[in-house]
Amino acid sequence: MVTAFAATLFVIIFSFRTEKLRAALPSLEKLDNLMYVTASLAFAGLAILLITGAVWANESWGRYWGWDSKETGAFVAWLTYGAFLHTRISRGWTGRSSAYFAIVGFLLVIFTYLGVSYLLPGLHSYA
């Protein structure tokens, strides 16, 4: 709910007088490079979280991986960021198509941390 409210608020705010906002933003190349660096850090961070979570799960439950909804969601988000970096590096994707890919990865991370906890059953859920 909070995410939907924030998104609606951003749409309302940015729908008026976008000329001044566009003039204040950095160039598209700088934003594209910032997105690439951020996705690289997110990929590395998710990899560390998956590894440390697997170690913790082995200490707690005696198994490294159980295909729980939270584990699977984090893995899918990690794979999405990996695919984003792969297409960026090997295929040279930049611009709009690359931005959509990064947005999907970000939404998967948000869903993993918020949606899975409250909507899907499993060891990590509060549903």
C-alpha atoms as a PDB file:
ATOM      1  CA  MET A   1       0.000   0.000   0.000  1.00  0.00           C
ATOM      2  CA  VAL A   2       2.781   2.394   0.918  1.00  0.00           C
ATOM      3  CA  THR A   3       4.620   1.688  -2.338  1.00  0.00           C
ATOM      4  CA  ALA A   4       1.469   2.249  -4.394  1.00  0.00           C
ATOM      5  CA  PHE A   5       0.797   5.499  -2.538  1.00  0.00           C
ATOM      6  CA  ALA A   6       4.372   6.704  -3.083  1.00  0.00           C
ATOM      7  CA  ALA A   7       4.219   5.812  -6.785  1.00  0.00           C
ATOM      8  CA  THR A   8       0.935   7.684  -7.171  1.00  0.00           C
ATOM      9  CA  LEU A   9       2.403  10.684  -5.369  1.00  0.00           C
ATOM     10  CA  PHE A  10       5.425  10.702  -7.690  1.00  0.00           C
ATOM     11  CA  VAL A  11       3.186  10.542 -10.756  1.00  0.00           C
ATOM     12  CA  ILE A  12       1.149  13.494  -9.493  1.00  0.00           C
ATOM     13  CA  ILE A  13       4.205  15.560  -8.585  1.00  0.00           C
ATOM     14  CA  PHE A  14       6.071  14.865 -11.822  1.00  0.00           C
ATOM     15  CA  SER A  15       3.091  15.393 -14.095  1.00  0.00           C
ATOM     16  CA  PHE A  16       3.237  19.161 -13.631  1.00  0.00           C
ATOM     17  CA  ARG A  17       5.972  21.434 -14.979  1.00  0.00           C
ATOM     18  CA  THR A  18       8.317  18.727 -16.151  1.00  0.00           C
ATOM     19  CA  GLU A  19      10.458  21.141 -18.161  1.00  0.00           C
ATOM     20  CA  LYS A  20      12.185  22.490 -15.060  1.00  0.00           C
ATOM     21  CA  LEU A  21      12.587  19.001 -13.661  1.00  0.00           C
ATOM     22  CA  ARG A  22      14.124  17.679 -16.874  1.00  0.00           C
ATOM     23  CA  ALA A  23      16.533  20.608 -16.986  1.00  0.00           C
ATOM     24  CA  ALA A  24      17.674  19.861 -13.427  1.00  0.00           C
ATOM     25  CA  LEU A  25      18.319  16.152 -14.061  1.00  0.00           C
ATOM     26  CA  PRO A  26      21.715  14.873 -15.191  1.00  0.00           C
ATOM     27  CA  SER A  27      22.217  13.622 -18.736  1.00  0.00           C
ATOM     28  CA  LEU A  28      20.790  10.281 -19.836  1.00  0.00           C
ATOM     29  CA  GLU A  29      24.290   8.795 -20.137  1.00  0.00           C
ATOM     30  CA  LYS A  30      25.080   9.664 -16.519  1.00  0.00           C
ATOM     31  CA  LEU A  31      21.775   8.193 -15.345  1.00  0.00           C
ATOM     32  CA  ASP A  32      22.413   5.058 -17.400  1.00  0.00           C
ATOM     33  CA  ASN A  33      25.869   4.642 -15.866  1.00  0.00           C
ATOM     34  CA  LEU A  34      24.441   5.255 -12.379  1.00  0.00           C
ATOM     35  CA  MET A  35      21.842   2.558 -13.021  1.00  0.00           C
ATOM     36  CA  TYR A  36      24.594   0.158 -14.104  1.00  0.00           C
ATOM     37  CA  VAL A  37      26.706   0.808 -11.007  1.00  0.00           C
ATOM     38  CA  THR A  38      23.688   0.516  -8.724  1.00  0.00           C
ATOM     39  CA  ALA A  39      22.625  -2.765 -10.330  1.00  0.00           C
ATOM     40  CA  SER A  40      26.171  -4.091  -9.954  1.00  0.00           C
ATOM     41  CA  LEU A  41      26.143  -3.268  -6.245  1.00  0.00           C
ATOM     42  CA  ALA A  42      22.676  -4.767  -5.864  1.00  0.00           C
ATOM     43  CA  PHE A  43      23.809  -7.966  -7.598  1.00  0.00           C
ATOM     44  CA  ALA A  44      26.811  -8.278  -5.292  1.00  0.00           C
ATOM     45  CA  GLY A  45      24.700  -7.446  -2.228  1.00  0.00           C
ATOM     46  CA  LEU A  46      22.059 -10.016  -3.123  1.00  0.00           C
ATOM     47  CA  ALA A  47      24.781 -12.619  -3.688  1.00  0.00           C
ATOM     48  CA  ILE A  48      26.190 -11.944  -0.217  1.00  0.00           C
ATOM     49  CA  LEU A  49      22.707 -12.109   1.298  1.00  0.00           C
ATOM     50  CA  LEU A  50      21.974 -15.425  -0.421  1.00  0.00           C
ATOM     51  CA  ILE A  51      25.263 -16.947   0.739  1.00  0.00           C
ATOM     52  CA  THR A  52      24.998 -15.754   4.343  1.00  0.00           C
ATOM     53  CA  GLY A  53      21.332 -16.754   4.438  1.00  0.00           C
ATOM     54  CA  ALA A  54      22.227 -20.244   3.268  1.00  0.00           C
ATOM     55  CA  VAL A  55      24.896 -20.543   5.950  1.00  0.00           C
ATOM     56  CA  TRP A  56      22.439 -19.338   8.595  1.00  0.00           C
ATOM     57  CA  ALA A  57      19.770 -21.761   7.328  1.00  0.00           C
ATOM     58  CA  ASN A  58      22.224 -24.639   7.588  1.00  0.00           C
ATOM     59  CA  GLU A  59      22.990 -23.713  11.198  1.00  0.00           C
ATOM     60  CA  SER A  60      19.309 -23.291  12.054  1.00  0.00           C
ATOM     61  CA  TRP A  61      17.524 -25.992  10.074  1.00  0.00           C
ATOM     62  CA  GLY A  62      20.317 -28.303   8.941  1.00  0.00           C
ATOM     63  CA  ARG A  63      19.961 -27.500   5.238  1.00  0.00           C
ATOM     64  CA  TYR A  64      21.372 -24.771   3.052  1.00  0.00           C
ATOM     65  CA  TRP A  65      18.393 -24.326   0.748  1.00  0.00           C
ATOM     66  CA  GLY A  66      14.742 -25.201   1.215  1.00  0.00           C
ATOM     67  CA  TRP A  67      12.962 -23.482  -1.691  1.00  0.00           C
ATOM     68  CA  ASP A  68      10.993 -21.348   0.734  1.00  0.00           C
ATOM     69  CA  SER A  69       9.099 -18.444  -0.855  1.00  0.00           C
ATOM     70  CA  LYS A  70      11.524 -15.836   0.504  1.00  0.00           C
ATOM     71  CA  GLU A  71      14.574 -17.819  -0.611  1.00  0.00           C
ATOM     72  CA  THR A  72      13.103 -18.351  -4.057  1.00  0.00           C
ATOM     73  CA  GLY A  73      12.103 -14.692  -4.408  1.00  0.00           C
ATOM     74  CA  ALA A  74      15.594 -13.528  -3.473  1.00  0.00           C
ATOM     75  CA  PHE A  75      17.085 -16.010  -5.938  1.00  0.00           C
ATOM     76  CA  VAL A  76      14.807 -14.816  -8.756  1.00  0.00           C
ATOM     77  CA  ALA A  77      15.705 -11.173  -8.002  1.00  0.00           C
ATOM     78  CA  TRP A  78      19.403 -12.099  -8.042  1.00  0.00           C
ATOM     79  CA  LEU A  79      18.984 -13.894 -11.378  1.00  0.00           C
ATOM     80  CA  THR A  80      17.161 -10.870 -12.784  1.00  0.00           C
ATOM     81  CA  TYR A  81      20.004  -8.538 -11.847  1.00  0.00           C
ATOM     82  CA  GLY A  82      22.448 -11.066 -13.273  1.00  0.00           C
ATOM     83  CA  ALA A  83      20.501 -11.129 -16.533  1.00  0.00           C
ATOM     84  CA  PHE A  84      20.453  -7.326 -16.546  1.00  0.00           C
ATOM     85  CA  LEU A  85      24.233  -7.183 -16.164  1.00  0.00           C
ATOM     86  CA  HIS A  86      24.680  -9.917 -18.770  1.00  0.00           C
ATOM     87  CA  THR A  87      22.593  -8.121 -21.380  1.00  0.00           C
ATOM     88  CA  ARG A  88      24.309  -4.866 -20.550  1.00  0.00           C
ATOM     89  CA  ILE A  89      27.820  -6.277 -20.882  1.00  0.00           C
ATOM     90  CA  SER A  90      27.474  -8.870 -23.639  1.00  0.00           C
ATOM     91  CA  ARG A  91      24.668  -7.407 -25.763  1.00  0.00           C
ATOM     92  CA  GLY A  92      25.322  -3.735 -25.135  1.00  0.00           C
ATOM     93  CA  TRP A  93      21.804  -2.942 -23.972  1.00  0.00           C
ATOM     94  CA  THR A  94      21.511   0.655 -22.817  1.00  0.00           C
ATOM     95  CA  GLY A  95      18.756   3.186 -22.585  1.00  0.00           C
ATOM     96  CA  ARG A  96      15.082   2.375 -22.288  1.00  0.00           C
ATOM     97  CA  SER A  97      15.232  -1.424 -22.607  1.00  0.00           C
ATOM     98  CA  SER A  98      17.972  -1.622 -20.013  1.00  0.00           C
ATOM     99  CA  ALA A  99      16.040   0.709 -17.683  1.00  0.00           C
ATOM    100  CA  TYR A 100      12.927  -1.458 -17.893  1.00  0.00           C
ATOM    101  CA  PHE A 101      15.003  -4.506 -17.022  1.00  0.00           C
ATOM    102  CA  ALA A 102      16.462  -2.714 -13.978  1.00  0.00           C
ATOM    103  CA  ILE A 103      12.992  -1.608 -12.851  1.00  0.00           C
ATOM    104  CA  VAL A 104      11.735  -5.199 -13.005  1.00  0.00           C
ATOM    105  CA  GLY A 105      14.685  -6.281 -10.863  1.00  0.00           C
ATOM    106  CA  PHE A 106      14.001  -3.551  -8.327  1.00  0.00           C
ATOM    107  CA  LEU A 107      10.314  -4.448  -8.140  1.00  0.00           C
ATOM    108  CA  LEU A 108      11.243  -8.083  -7.570  1.00  0.00           C
ATOM    109  CA  VAL A 109      13.478  -7.072  -4.670  1.00  0.00           C
ATOM    110  CA  ILE A 110      10.689  -4.980  -3.147  1.00  0.00           C
ATOM    111  CA  PHE A 111       8.211  -7.827  -3.593  1.00  0.00           C
ATOM    112  CA  THR A 112      10.653 -10.286  -2.028  1.00  0.00           C
ATOM    113  CA  TYR A 113      11.127  -8.185   1.074  1.00  0.00           C
ATOM    114  CA  LEU A 114       7.562  -6.931   1.500  1.00  0.00           C
ATOM    115  CA  GLY A 115       5.158  -8.990  -0.587  1.00  0.00           C
ATOM    116  CA  VAL A 116       6.496 -12.432   0.261  1.00  0.00           C
ATOM    117  CA  SER A 117       6.480 -11.683   3.975  1.00  0.00           C
ATOM    118  CA  TYR A 118       2.807 -10.796   4.077  1.00  0.00           C
ATOM    119  CA  LEU A 119       1.224 -12.586   1.101  1.00  0.00           C
ATOM    120  CA  LEU A 120       2.866 -15.977   0.618  1.00  0.00           C
ATOM    121  CA  PRO A 121       3.127 -18.840   3.110  1.00  0.00           C
ATOM    122  CA  GLY A 122       6.473 -20.127   4.279  1.00  0.00           C
ATOM    123  CA  LEU A 123       9.087 -19.953   7.007  1.00  0.00           C
ATOM    124  CA  HIS A 124       9.669 -16.245   6.428  1.00  0.00           C
ATOM    125  CA  SER A 125       6.059 -15.127   6.157  1.00  0.00           C
ATOM    126  CA  TYR A 126       3.797 -13.328   8.552  1.00  0.00           C
ATOM    127  CA  ALA A 127       0.614 -14.177   6.618  1.00  0.00           C
END
